[in-house]
Amino acid sequence: MGLSIEKIRQGDEQAFKELFDQYYQALCVFAATYLKDDALAADIVQESFVKFWHRRADFNDTFNIKSFLYTIVRNHCLNSIRDNKLKREDLSVVISEEFYTETLIEEEAYRIFYEAVNALPPQTRQVIQLSLDGLKNSEIAERLGVAESSVHTLKKIAYKKLRVMLKDYYYLVFMFLH
């Protein structure tokens, strides 16, 4: 991870933006899992980043930052459910530690996978994203104005690159692409 924790601690806004960009989407999905409301989830995540910014000097490593962000988002979600008496028929499940752990692992897996996909060359990335959206090779070829064989070749290239980029997380390639 290329984040500069020291720069964040010193108040470097560009370093903070990199942190925000890296975790915002995953945290929103994480919060929406609790709330079933994307707008409220986004508000809670933004508030959590503001709280982190005010306490940024307290953190020495990425693990502590991630733990703080996920924990504070979870707590805000649970408070919102309680305070707004949001309808959740599965409330006992949502407040359980097991739900938190499973949701956290799932969202982190998505974040790692999509970070790797976003690092692919533009056309290869586009082919993979369309494939993940459920389009067939022929539909991707038509949309991009390329031969179907080119789509097939770009997918093979993407799979090879993703296997290398995700070698420590090899199971993700199978989880998302098969």
N, C-alpha and C. Protein backbone atom coordinates (compact mmCIF):
# COMPACT_ATOMS: atom_id res chain seq x y z
N MET A 1 0.85 -1.17 0.00
CA MET A 1 0.00 0.00 0.00
C MET A 1 0.90 1.23 0.00
N GLY A 2 0.58 2.18 -0.85
CA GLY A 2 1.42 3.34 -1.01
C GLY A 2 1.05 4.50 -0.11
N LEU A 3 0.22 4.29 0.87
CA LEU A 3 -0.19 5.39 1.74
C LEU A 3 0.95 5.84 2.62
N SER A 4 1.06 7.14 2.80
CA SER A 4 2.05 7.68 3.70
C SER A 4 1.37 8.06 5.01
N ILE A 5 1.47 7.18 5.97
CA ILE A 5 0.83 7.40 7.27
C ILE A 5 1.40 8.66 7.92
N GLU A 6 2.70 8.85 7.78
CA GLU A 6 3.33 10.03 8.40
C GLU A 6 2.77 11.32 7.80
N LYS A 7 2.59 11.33 6.49
CA LYS A 7 2.03 12.53 5.85
C LYS A 7 0.59 12.78 6.31
N ILE A 8 -0.17 11.71 6.45
CA ILE A 8 -1.55 11.85 6.94
C ILE A 8 -1.52 12.41 8.35
N ARG A 9 -0.65 11.87 9.19
CA ARG A 9 -0.54 12.34 10.58
C ARG A 9 -0.19 13.82 10.65
N GLN A 10 0.61 14.27 9.67
CA GLN A 10 1.04 15.68 9.65
C GLN A 10 0.00 16.60 9.01
N GLY A 11 -1.09 16.02 8.50
CA GLY A 11 -2.16 16.85 7.95
C GLY A 11 -2.07 17.06 6.45
N ASP A 12 -1.31 16.24 5.74
CA ASP A 12 -1.20 16.35 4.29
C ASP A 12 -2.53 15.94 3.65
N GLU A 13 -3.21 16.90 3.04
CA GLU A 13 -4.54 16.63 2.49
C GLU A 13 -4.50 15.68 1.30
N GLN A 14 -3.44 15.70 0.50
CA GLN A 14 -3.33 14.78 -0.64
C GLN A 14 -3.20 13.34 -0.14
N ALA A 15 -2.41 13.13 0.89
CA ALA A 15 -2.26 11.78 1.46
C ALA A 15 -3.60 11.31 2.05
N PHE A 16 -4.32 12.23 2.69
CA PHE A 16 -5.64 11.89 3.23
C PHE A 16 -6.61 11.54 2.10
N LYS A 17 -6.55 12.28 0.99
CA LYS A 17 -7.41 12.00 -0.15
C LYS A 17 -7.14 10.60 -0.69
N GLU A 18 -5.87 10.19 -0.73
CA GLU A 18 -5.53 8.84 -1.19
C GLU A 18 -6.16 7.79 -0.26
N LEU A 19 -6.09 8.03 1.05
CA LEU A 19 -6.71 7.13 2.01
C LEU A 19 -8.23 7.08 1.78
N PHE A 20 -8.81 8.25 1.64
CA PHE A 20 -10.26 8.36 1.42
C PHE A 20 -10.65 7.59 0.16
N ASP A 21 -9.94 7.82 -0.93
CA ASP A 21 -10.24 7.16 -2.20
C ASP A 21 -10.10 5.64 -2.09
N GLN A 22 -9.15 5.21 -1.30
CA GLN A 22 -8.90 3.78 -1.18
C GLN A 22 -9.98 3.05 -0.38
N TYR A 23 -10.58 3.72 0.61
CA TYR A 23 -11.50 3.04 1.51
C TYR A 23 -12.95 3.50 1.44
N TYR A 24 -13.22 4.64 0.83
CA TYR A 24 -14.56 5.21 0.84
C TYR A 24 -15.62 4.23 0.32
N GLN A 25 -15.41 3.72 -0.89
CA GLN A 25 -16.40 2.85 -1.51
C GLN A 25 -16.66 1.60 -0.67
N ALA A 26 -15.60 0.96 -0.22
CA ALA A 26 -15.77 -0.26 0.58
C ALA A 26 -16.50 0.04 1.89
N LEU A 27 -16.18 1.17 2.51
CA LEU A 27 -16.87 1.54 3.75
C LEU A 27 -18.34 1.85 3.50
N CYS A 28 -18.66 2.46 2.36
CA CYS A 28 -20.06 2.74 2.03
C CYS A 28 -20.85 1.44 1.86
N VAL A 29 -20.26 0.49 1.17
CA VAL A 29 -20.93 -0.81 0.99
C VAL A 29 -21.08 -1.49 2.35
N PHE A 30 -20.04 -1.41 3.15
CA PHE A 30 -20.07 -1.98 4.50
C PHE A 30 -21.21 -1.37 5.31
N ALA A 31 -21.32 -0.06 5.30
CA ALA A 31 -22.37 0.63 6.06
C ALA A 31 -23.75 0.30 5.49
N ALA A 32 -23.87 0.24 4.19
CA ALA A 32 -25.16 -0.06 3.56
C ALA A 32 -25.64 -1.47 3.91
N THR A 33 -24.69 -2.36 4.21
CA THR A 33 -25.06 -3.70 4.63
C THR A 33 -25.86 -3.64 5.94
N TYR A 34 -25.49 -2.72 6.79
CA TYR A 34 -26.21 -2.53 8.05
C TYR A 34 -27.51 -1.76 7.85
N LEU A 35 -27.45 -0.70 7.08
CA LEU A 35 -28.54 0.27 7.03
C LEU A 35 -29.57 0.04 5.94
N LYS A 36 -29.17 -0.62 4.86
CA LYS A 36 -30.04 -0.80 3.69
C LYS A 36 -30.47 0.56 3.13
N ASP A 37 -29.58 1.56 3.25
CA ASP A 37 -29.85 2.93 2.78
C ASP A 37 -28.51 3.53 2.33
N ASP A 38 -28.32 3.62 1.01
CA ASP A 38 -27.04 4.07 0.47
C ASP A 38 -26.70 5.51 0.85
N ALA A 39 -27.69 6.40 0.84
CA ALA A 39 -27.43 7.81 1.16
C ALA A 39 -27.02 7.97 2.61
N LEU A 40 -27.72 7.31 3.51
CA LEU A 40 -27.37 7.37 4.93
C LEU A 40 -26.01 6.74 5.17
N ALA A 41 -25.73 5.65 4.47
CA ALA A 41 -24.43 4.99 4.59
C ALA A 41 -23.31 5.94 4.17
N ALA A 42 -23.48 6.64 3.05
CA ALA A 42 -22.47 7.59 2.57
C ALA A 42 -22.26 8.71 3.58
N ASP A 43 -23.34 9.22 4.17
CA ASP A 43 -23.22 10.28 5.19
C ASP A 43 -22.41 9.79 6.39
N ILE A 44 -22.69 8.58 6.84
CA ILE A 44 -21.99 8.03 8.00
C ILE A 44 -20.51 7.84 7.69
N VAL A 45 -20.20 7.35 6.50
CA VAL A 45 -18.79 7.16 6.12
C VAL A 45 -18.07 8.50 6.08
N GLN A 46 -18.70 9.51 5.51
CA GLN A 46 -18.06 10.84 5.46
C GLN A 46 -17.82 11.38 6.86
N GLU A 47 -18.81 11.24 7.73
CA GLU A 47 -18.65 11.68 9.12
C GLU A 47 -17.50 10.93 9.80
N SER A 48 -17.37 9.65 9.49
CA SER A 48 -16.31 8.83 10.08
C SER A 48 -14.93 9.31 9.62
N PHE A 49 -14.81 9.67 8.36
CA PHE A 49 -13.54 10.21 7.88
C PHE A 49 -13.22 11.55 8.54
N VAL A 50 -14.22 12.35 8.80
CA VAL A 50 -14.00 13.62 9.50
C VAL A 50 -13.48 13.34 10.91
N LYS A 51 -14.09 12.39 11.59
CA LYS A 51 -13.62 12.02 12.94
C LYS A 51 -12.19 11.50 12.89
N PHE A 52 -11.91 10.68 11.87
CA PHE A 52 -10.54 10.20 11.73
C PHE A 52 -9.59 11.38 11.53
N TRP A 53 -9.94 12.32 10.68
CA TRP A 53 -9.07 13.47 10.39
C TRP A 53 -8.72 14.22 11.67
N HIS A 54 -9.70 14.37 12.54
CA HIS A 54 -9.46 15.09 13.80
C HIS A 54 -8.57 14.30 14.76
N ARG A 55 -8.51 12.97 14.57
CA ARG A 55 -7.70 12.13 15.45
C ARG A 55 -6.51 11.51 14.72
N ARG A 56 -6.20 11.97 13.52
CA ARG A 56 -5.20 11.34 12.65
C ARG A 56 -3.83 11.18 13.31
N ALA A 57 -3.47 12.06 14.21
CA ALA A 57 -2.16 11.98 14.85
C ALA A 57 -2.04 10.78 15.79
N ASP A 58 -3.18 10.17 16.13
CA ASP A 58 -3.17 9.03 17.04
C ASP A 58 -2.81 7.70 16.37
N PHE A 59 -2.69 7.69 15.04
CA PHE A 59 -2.53 6.44 14.31
C PHE A 59 -1.14 6.29 13.71
N ASN A 60 -0.55 5.11 13.92
CA ASN A 60 0.82 4.86 13.46
C ASN A 60 0.91 3.92 12.27
N ASP A 61 -0.16 3.18 11.98
CA ASP A 61 -0.08 2.25 10.85
C ASP A 61 -1.43 2.07 10.19
N THR A 62 -1.40 1.49 9.02
CA THR A 62 -2.59 1.30 8.21
C THR A 62 -3.60 0.39 8.89
N PHE A 63 -3.13 -0.64 9.55
CA PHE A 63 -4.04 -1.57 10.23
C PHE A 63 -4.89 -0.83 11.26
N ASN A 64 -4.27 0.03 12.05
CA ASN A 64 -5.01 0.79 13.06
C ASN A 64 -6.01 1.75 12.42
N ILE A 65 -5.64 2.35 11.31
CA ILE A 65 -6.55 3.26 10.61
C ILE A 65 -7.76 2.50 10.10
N LYS A 66 -7.51 1.36 9.42
CA LYS A 66 -8.62 0.55 8.91
C LYS A 66 -9.52 0.08 10.04
N SER A 67 -8.93 -0.38 11.11
CA SER A 67 -9.71 -0.85 12.26
C SER A 67 -10.58 0.26 12.80
N PHE A 68 -9.99 1.43 12.96
CA PHE A 68 -10.74 2.58 13.46
C PHE A 68 -11.91 2.91 12.53
N LEU A 69 -11.62 3.01 11.23
CA LEU A 69 -12.67 3.40 10.28
C LEU A 69 -13.82 2.39 10.26
N TYR A 70 -13.50 1.12 10.17
CA TYR A 70 -14.56 0.11 10.14
C TYR A 70 -15.33 0.07 11.45
N THR A 71 -14.63 0.21 12.57
CA THR A 71 -15.31 0.18 13.87
C THR A 71 -16.22 1.38 14.05
N ILE A 72 -15.73 2.56 13.68
CA ILE A 72 -16.54 3.76 13.87
C ILE A 72 -17.74 3.77 12.93
N VAL A 73 -17.56 3.27 11.72
CA VAL A 73 -18.68 3.17 10.78
C VAL A 73 -19.72 2.21 11.35
N ARG A 74 -19.26 1.07 11.83
CA ARG A 74 -20.19 0.10 12.41
C ARG A 74 -20.96 0.70 13.58
N ASN A 75 -20.25 1.35 14.48
CA ASN A 75 -20.90 1.95 15.65
C ASN A 75 -21.92 3.02 15.25
N HIS A 76 -21.56 3.85 14.27
CA HIS A 76 -22.50 4.87 13.79
C HIS A 76 -23.73 4.22 13.16
N CYS A 77 -23.52 3.14 12.43
CA CYS A 77 -24.66 2.44 11.82
C CYS A 77 -25.58 1.89 12.89
N LEU A 78 -25.00 1.24 13.88
CA LEU A 78 -25.82 0.68 14.96
C LEU A 78 -26.55 1.78 15.72
N ASN A 79 -25.87 2.91 15.96
CA ASN A 79 -26.52 4.05 16.62
C ASN A 79 -27.67 4.58 15.77
N SER A 80 -27.45 4.65 14.47
CA SER A 80 -28.48 5.14 13.57
C SER A 80 -29.68 4.21 13.56
N ILE A 81 -29.43 2.92 13.56
CA ILE A 81 -30.52 1.94 13.61
C ILE A 81 -31.32 2.14 14.90
N ARG A 82 -30.60 2.30 16.01
CA ARG A 82 -31.26 2.48 17.30
C ARG A 82 -32.00 3.81 17.37
N ASP A 83 -31.31 4.91 17.02
CA ASP A 83 -31.88 6.25 17.17
C ASP A 83 -33.04 6.52 16.22
N ASN A 84 -32.94 5.99 15.02
CA ASN A 84 -33.99 6.24 14.03
C ASN A 84 -35.00 5.12 13.96
N LYS A 85 -34.81 4.15 14.86
CA LYS A 85 -35.71 3.00 14.91
C LYS A 85 -35.94 2.43 13.51
N LEU A 86 -34.81 2.29 12.78
CA LEU A 86 -34.89 1.74 11.43
C LEU A 86 -35.40 0.32 11.50
N LYS A 87 -36.20 -0.04 10.55
CA LYS A 87 -36.79 -1.37 10.51
C LYS A 87 -35.74 -2.37 10.05
N ARG A 88 -35.39 -3.26 10.94
CA ARG A 88 -34.47 -4.35 10.60
C ARG A 88 -35.01 -5.59 11.29
N GLU A 89 -35.59 -6.46 10.50
CA GLU A 89 -36.13 -7.68 11.09
C GLU A 89 -35.03 -8.59 11.61
N ASP A 90 -33.82 -8.38 11.13
CA ASP A 90 -32.70 -9.21 11.54
C ASP A 90 -31.73 -8.46 12.46
N LEU A 91 -32.27 -7.62 13.32
CA LEU A 91 -31.45 -6.75 14.16
C LEU A 91 -30.46 -7.54 15.02
N SER A 92 -30.87 -8.66 15.57
CA SER A 92 -29.96 -9.45 16.41
C SER A 92 -28.78 -9.96 15.60
N VAL A 93 -29.00 -10.25 14.32
CA VAL A 93 -27.91 -10.70 13.46
C VAL A 93 -26.96 -9.54 13.18
N VAL A 94 -27.52 -8.37 12.88
CA VAL A 94 -26.72 -7.20 12.51
C VAL A 94 -25.80 -6.75 13.65
N ILE A 95 -26.25 -6.85 14.87
CA ILE A 95 -25.41 -6.38 15.97
C ILE A 95 -24.41 -7.43 16.44
N SER A 96 -24.47 -8.62 15.88
CA SER A 96 -23.55 -9.68 16.30
C SER A 96 -22.13 -9.44 15.80
N GLU A 97 -21.19 -9.92 16.56
CA GLU A 97 -19.77 -9.82 16.19
C GLU A 97 -19.47 -10.64 14.93
N GLU A 98 -20.17 -11.75 14.77
CA GLU A 98 -19.98 -12.60 13.59
C GLU A 98 -20.38 -11.87 12.30
N PHE A 99 -21.50 -11.15 12.34
CA PHE A 99 -21.94 -10.38 11.17
C PHE A 99 -20.89 -9.33 10.83
N TYR A 100 -20.40 -8.64 11.84
CA TYR A 100 -19.37 -7.62 11.64
C TYR A 100 -18.13 -8.21 10.98
N THR A 101 -17.64 -9.32 11.51
CA THR A 101 -16.43 -9.96 10.98
C THR A 101 -16.64 -10.42 9.54
N GLU A 102 -17.75 -11.09 9.28
CA GLU A 102 -18.01 -11.58 7.92
C GLU A 102 -18.15 -10.43 6.93
N THR A 103 -18.86 -9.39 7.32
CA THR A 103 -19.05 -8.24 6.44
C THR A 103 -17.74 -7.53 6.20
N LEU A 104 -16.93 -7.40 7.23
CA LEU A 104 -15.63 -6.75 7.11
C LEU A 104 -14.74 -7.52 6.14
N ILE A 105 -14.68 -8.81 6.26
CA ILE A 105 -13.84 -9.64 5.38
C ILE A 105 -14.33 -9.53 3.94
N GLU A 106 -15.64 -9.59 3.75
CA GLU A 106 -16.20 -9.50 2.41
C GLU A 106 -15.88 -8.15 1.76
N GLU A 107 -16.06 -7.08 2.49
CA GLU A 107 -15.81 -5.74 1.93
C GLU A 107 -14.33 -5.52 1.66
N GLU A 108 -13.49 -6.03 2.51
CA GLU A 108 -12.04 -5.91 2.28
C GLU A 108 -11.64 -6.71 1.04
N ALA A 109 -12.25 -7.87 0.85
CA ALA A 109 -11.96 -8.67 -0.35
C ALA A 109 -12.38 -7.91 -1.61
N TYR A 110 -13.55 -7.30 -1.60
CA TYR A 110 -13.99 -6.50 -2.74
C TYR A 110 -13.02 -5.35 -2.99
N ARG A 111 -12.61 -4.68 -1.94
CA ARG A 111 -11.71 -3.53 -2.10
C ARG A 111 -10.39 -3.96 -2.73
N ILE A 112 -9.82 -5.04 -2.25
CA ILE A 112 -8.54 -5.53 -2.78
C ILE A 112 -8.70 -5.93 -4.24
N PHE A 113 -9.77 -6.65 -4.55
CA PHE A 113 -9.98 -7.10 -5.93
C PHE A 113 -10.16 -5.91 -6.87
N TYR A 114 -11.03 -4.98 -6.52
CA TYR A 114 -11.29 -3.86 -7.42
C TYR A 114 -10.10 -2.90 -7.52
N GLU A 115 -9.30 -2.84 -6.49
CA GLU A 115 -8.06 -2.06 -6.58
C GLU A 115 -7.14 -2.68 -7.64
N ALA A 116 -7.07 -4.01 -7.69
CA ALA A 116 -6.26 -4.70 -8.70
C ALA A 116 -6.86 -4.49 -10.10
N VAL A 117 -8.17 -4.59 -10.22
CA VAL A 117 -8.82 -4.37 -11.52
C VAL A 117 -8.55 -2.95 -12.01
N ASN A 118 -8.63 -1.98 -11.12
CA ASN A 118 -8.40 -0.58 -11.51
C ASN A 118 -6.95 -0.32 -11.90
N ALA A 119 -6.04 -1.20 -11.53
CA ALA A 119 -4.63 -1.04 -11.90
C ALA A 119 -4.33 -1.63 -13.28
N LEU A 120 -5.30 -2.32 -13.89
CA LEU A 120 -5.10 -2.88 -15.22
C LEU A 120 -5.04 -1.76 -16.27
N PRO A 121 -4.41 -2.03 -17.42
CA PRO A 121 -4.43 -1.05 -18.51
C PRO A 121 -5.88 -0.73 -18.89
N PRO A 122 -6.14 0.48 -19.39
CA PRO A 122 -7.53 0.94 -19.61
C PRO A 122 -8.43 -0.01 -20.40
N GLN A 123 -8.01 -0.49 -21.55
CA GLN A 123 -8.90 -1.34 -22.34
C GLN A 123 -9.12 -2.69 -21.68
N THR A 124 -8.08 -3.22 -21.09
CA THR A 124 -8.20 -4.50 -20.37
C THR A 124 -9.13 -4.34 -19.17
N ARG A 125 -8.97 -3.24 -18.45
CA ARG A 125 -9.83 -2.96 -17.30
C ARG A 125 -11.30 -2.85 -17.75
N GLN A 126 -11.53 -2.16 -18.86
CA GLN A 126 -12.88 -1.98 -19.36
C GLN A 126 -13.52 -3.33 -19.72
N VAL A 127 -12.75 -4.21 -20.35
CA VAL A 127 -13.26 -5.54 -20.71
C VAL A 127 -13.64 -6.31 -19.44
N ILE A 128 -12.78 -6.28 -18.43
CA ILE A 128 -13.06 -7.00 -17.18
C ILE A 128 -14.27 -6.40 -16.48
N GLN A 129 -14.36 -5.09 -16.44
CA GLN A 129 -15.51 -4.46 -15.77
C GLN A 129 -16.83 -4.82 -16.47
N LEU A 130 -16.82 -4.82 -17.79
CA LEU A 130 -18.03 -5.21 -18.52
C LEU A 130 -18.35 -6.68 -18.30
N SER A 131 -17.33 -7.50 -18.23
CA SER A 131 -17.51 -8.92 -17.96
C SER A 131 -18.11 -9.12 -16.57
N LEU A 132 -17.61 -8.36 -15.59
CA LEU A 132 -18.14 -8.44 -14.23
C LEU A 132 -19.59 -7.95 -14.17
N ASP A 133 -19.96 -7.07 -15.12
CA ASP A 133 -21.35 -6.59 -15.19
C ASP A 133 -22.26 -7.63 -15.83
N GLY A 134 -21.68 -8.76 -16.27
CA GLY A 134 -22.47 -9.85 -16.81
C GLY A 134 -22.57 -9.90 -18.32
N LEU A 135 -21.84 -9.05 -19.02
CA LEU A 135 -21.89 -9.06 -20.48
C LEU A 135 -21.07 -10.22 -21.04
N LYS A 136 -21.56 -10.78 -22.14
CA LYS A 136 -20.86 -11.85 -22.84
C LYS A 136 -19.79 -11.23 -23.73
N ASN A 137 -18.84 -12.04 -24.18
CA ASN A 137 -17.76 -11.54 -25.04
C ASN A 137 -18.30 -10.83 -26.27
N SER A 138 -19.34 -11.37 -26.89
CA SER A 138 -19.91 -10.75 -28.09
C SER A 138 -20.49 -9.38 -27.77
N GLU A 139 -21.13 -9.25 -26.60
CA GLU A 139 -21.71 -7.96 -26.20
C GLU A 139 -20.62 -6.94 -25.87
N ILE A 140 -19.56 -7.41 -25.24
CA ILE A 140 -18.43 -6.53 -24.92
C ILE A 140 -17.78 -6.05 -26.22
N ALA A 141 -17.58 -6.97 -27.16
CA ALA A 141 -16.96 -6.63 -28.45
C ALA A 141 -17.79 -5.58 -29.17
N GLU A 142 -19.10 -5.78 -29.18
CA GLU A 142 -19.99 -4.83 -29.85
C GLU A 142 -19.92 -3.45 -29.18
N ARG A 143 -19.96 -3.44 -27.86
CA ARG A 143 -19.95 -2.18 -27.12
C ARG A 143 -18.64 -1.42 -27.32
N LEU A 144 -17.52 -2.15 -27.37
CA LEU A 144 -16.20 -1.51 -27.50
C LEU A 144 -15.77 -1.34 -28.95
N GLY A 145 -16.51 -1.94 -29.86
CA GLY A 145 -16.16 -1.83 -31.27
C GLY A 145 -14.88 -2.57 -31.63
N VAL A 146 -14.70 -3.74 -31.02
CA VAL A 146 -13.52 -4.57 -31.31
C VAL A 146 -14.00 -5.98 -31.66
N ALA A 147 -13.09 -6.78 -32.18
CA ALA A 147 -13.42 -8.16 -32.52
C ALA A 147 -13.62 -8.98 -31.24
N GLU A 148 -14.48 -9.98 -31.33
CA GLU A 148 -14.72 -10.85 -30.18
C GLU A 148 -13.44 -11.56 -29.76
N SER A 149 -12.60 -11.88 -30.73
CA SER A 149 -11.33 -12.54 -30.40
C SER A 149 -10.42 -11.60 -29.58
N SER A 150 -10.52 -10.30 -29.85
CA SER A 150 -9.76 -9.32 -29.06
C SER A 150 -10.23 -9.30 -27.61
N VAL A 151 -11.53 -9.40 -27.42
CA VAL A 151 -12.09 -9.44 -26.06
C VAL A 151 -11.57 -10.68 -25.35
N HIS A 152 -11.59 -11.81 -26.02
CA HIS A 152 -11.10 -13.06 -25.44
C HIS A 152 -9.62 -12.92 -25.04
N THR A 153 -8.82 -12.35 -25.94
CA THR A 153 -7.39 -12.15 -25.67
C THR A 153 -7.18 -11.20 -24.49
N LEU A 154 -7.93 -10.09 -24.47
CA LEU A 154 -7.79 -9.12 -23.37
C LEU A 154 -8.20 -9.74 -22.03
N LYS A 155 -9.19 -10.60 -22.04
CA LYS A 155 -9.60 -11.28 -20.81
C LYS A 155 -8.48 -12.20 -20.31
N LYS A 156 -7.86 -12.94 -21.23
CA LYS A 156 -6.77 -13.83 -20.84
C LYS A 156 -5.61 -13.03 -20.25
N ILE A 157 -5.29 -11.90 -20.89
CA ILE A 157 -4.23 -11.02 -20.37
C ILE A 157 -4.60 -10.52 -18.98
N ALA A 158 -5.84 -10.10 -18.82
CA ALA A 158 -6.30 -9.58 -17.53
C ALA A 158 -6.21 -10.65 -16.45
N TYR A 159 -6.65 -11.86 -16.75
CA TYR A 159 -6.59 -12.94 -15.77
C TYR A 159 -5.16 -13.20 -15.32
N LYS A 160 -4.24 -13.21 -16.29
CA LYS A 160 -2.83 -13.43 -15.94
C LYS A 160 -2.32 -12.32 -15.03
N LYS A 161 -2.62 -11.07 -15.38
CA LYS A 161 -2.16 -9.94 -14.58
C LYS A 161 -2.80 -9.95 -13.19
N LEU A 162 -4.08 -10.26 -13.14
CA LEU A 162 -4.75 -10.31 -11.84
C LEU A 162 -4.19 -11.43 -10.97
N ARG A 163 -3.85 -12.57 -11.57
CA ARG A 163 -3.25 -13.65 -10.79
C ARG A 163 -1.93 -13.20 -10.17
N VAL A 164 -1.15 -12.43 -10.93
CA VAL A 164 0.13 -11.94 -10.41
C VAL A 164 -0.13 -10.89 -9.32
N MET A 165 -1.00 -9.93 -9.61
CA MET A 165 -1.27 -8.86 -8.64
C MET A 165 -1.91 -9.38 -7.36
N LEU A 166 -2.70 -10.44 -7.49
CA LEU A 166 -3.43 -10.97 -6.35
C LEU A 166 -2.86 -12.30 -5.87
N LYS A 167 -1.56 -12.51 -6.12
CA LYS A 167 -0.96 -13.80 -5.78
C LYS A 167 -1.14 -14.16 -4.31
N ASP A 168 -1.15 -13.16 -3.45
CA ASP A 168 -1.36 -13.42 -2.03
C ASP A 168 -2.85 -13.58 -1.70
N TYR A 169 -3.69 -13.26 -2.67
CA TYR A 169 -5.14 -13.35 -2.49
C TYR A 169 -5.75 -14.13 -3.65
N TYR A 170 -5.09 -15.19 -4.07
CA TYR A 170 -5.46 -15.92 -5.28
C TYR A 170 -6.93 -16.34 -5.30
N TYR A 171 -7.49 -16.64 -4.15
CA TYR A 171 -8.88 -17.06 -4.07
C TYR A 171 -9.83 -15.99 -4.60
N LEU A 172 -9.43 -14.71 -4.55
CA LEU A 172 -10.28 -13.64 -5.04
C LEU A 172 -10.51 -13.74 -6.54
N VAL A 173 -9.48 -14.16 -7.28
CA VAL A 173 -9.63 -14.27 -8.73
C VAL A 173 -10.76 -15.24 -9.04
N PHE A 174 -10.79 -16.37 -8.34
CA PHE A 174 -11.84 -17.35 -8.57
C PHE A 174 -13.20 -16.87 -8.08
N MET A 175 -13.20 -16.18 -6.96
CA MET A 175 -14.46 -15.72 -6.38
C MET A 175 -15.16 -14.73 -7.30
N PHE A 176 -14.41 -13.84 -7.93
CA PHE A 176 -15.01 -12.79 -8.73
C PHE A 176 -15.12 -13.12 -10.22
N LEU A 177 -14.21 -13.93 -10.74
CA LEU A 177 -14.16 -14.12 -12.17
C LEU A 177 -14.71 -15.47 -12.64
N HIS A 178 -15.12 -16.31 -11.73
CA HIS A 178 -15.66 -17.61 -12.18
C HIS A 178 -17.02 -17.86 -11.60
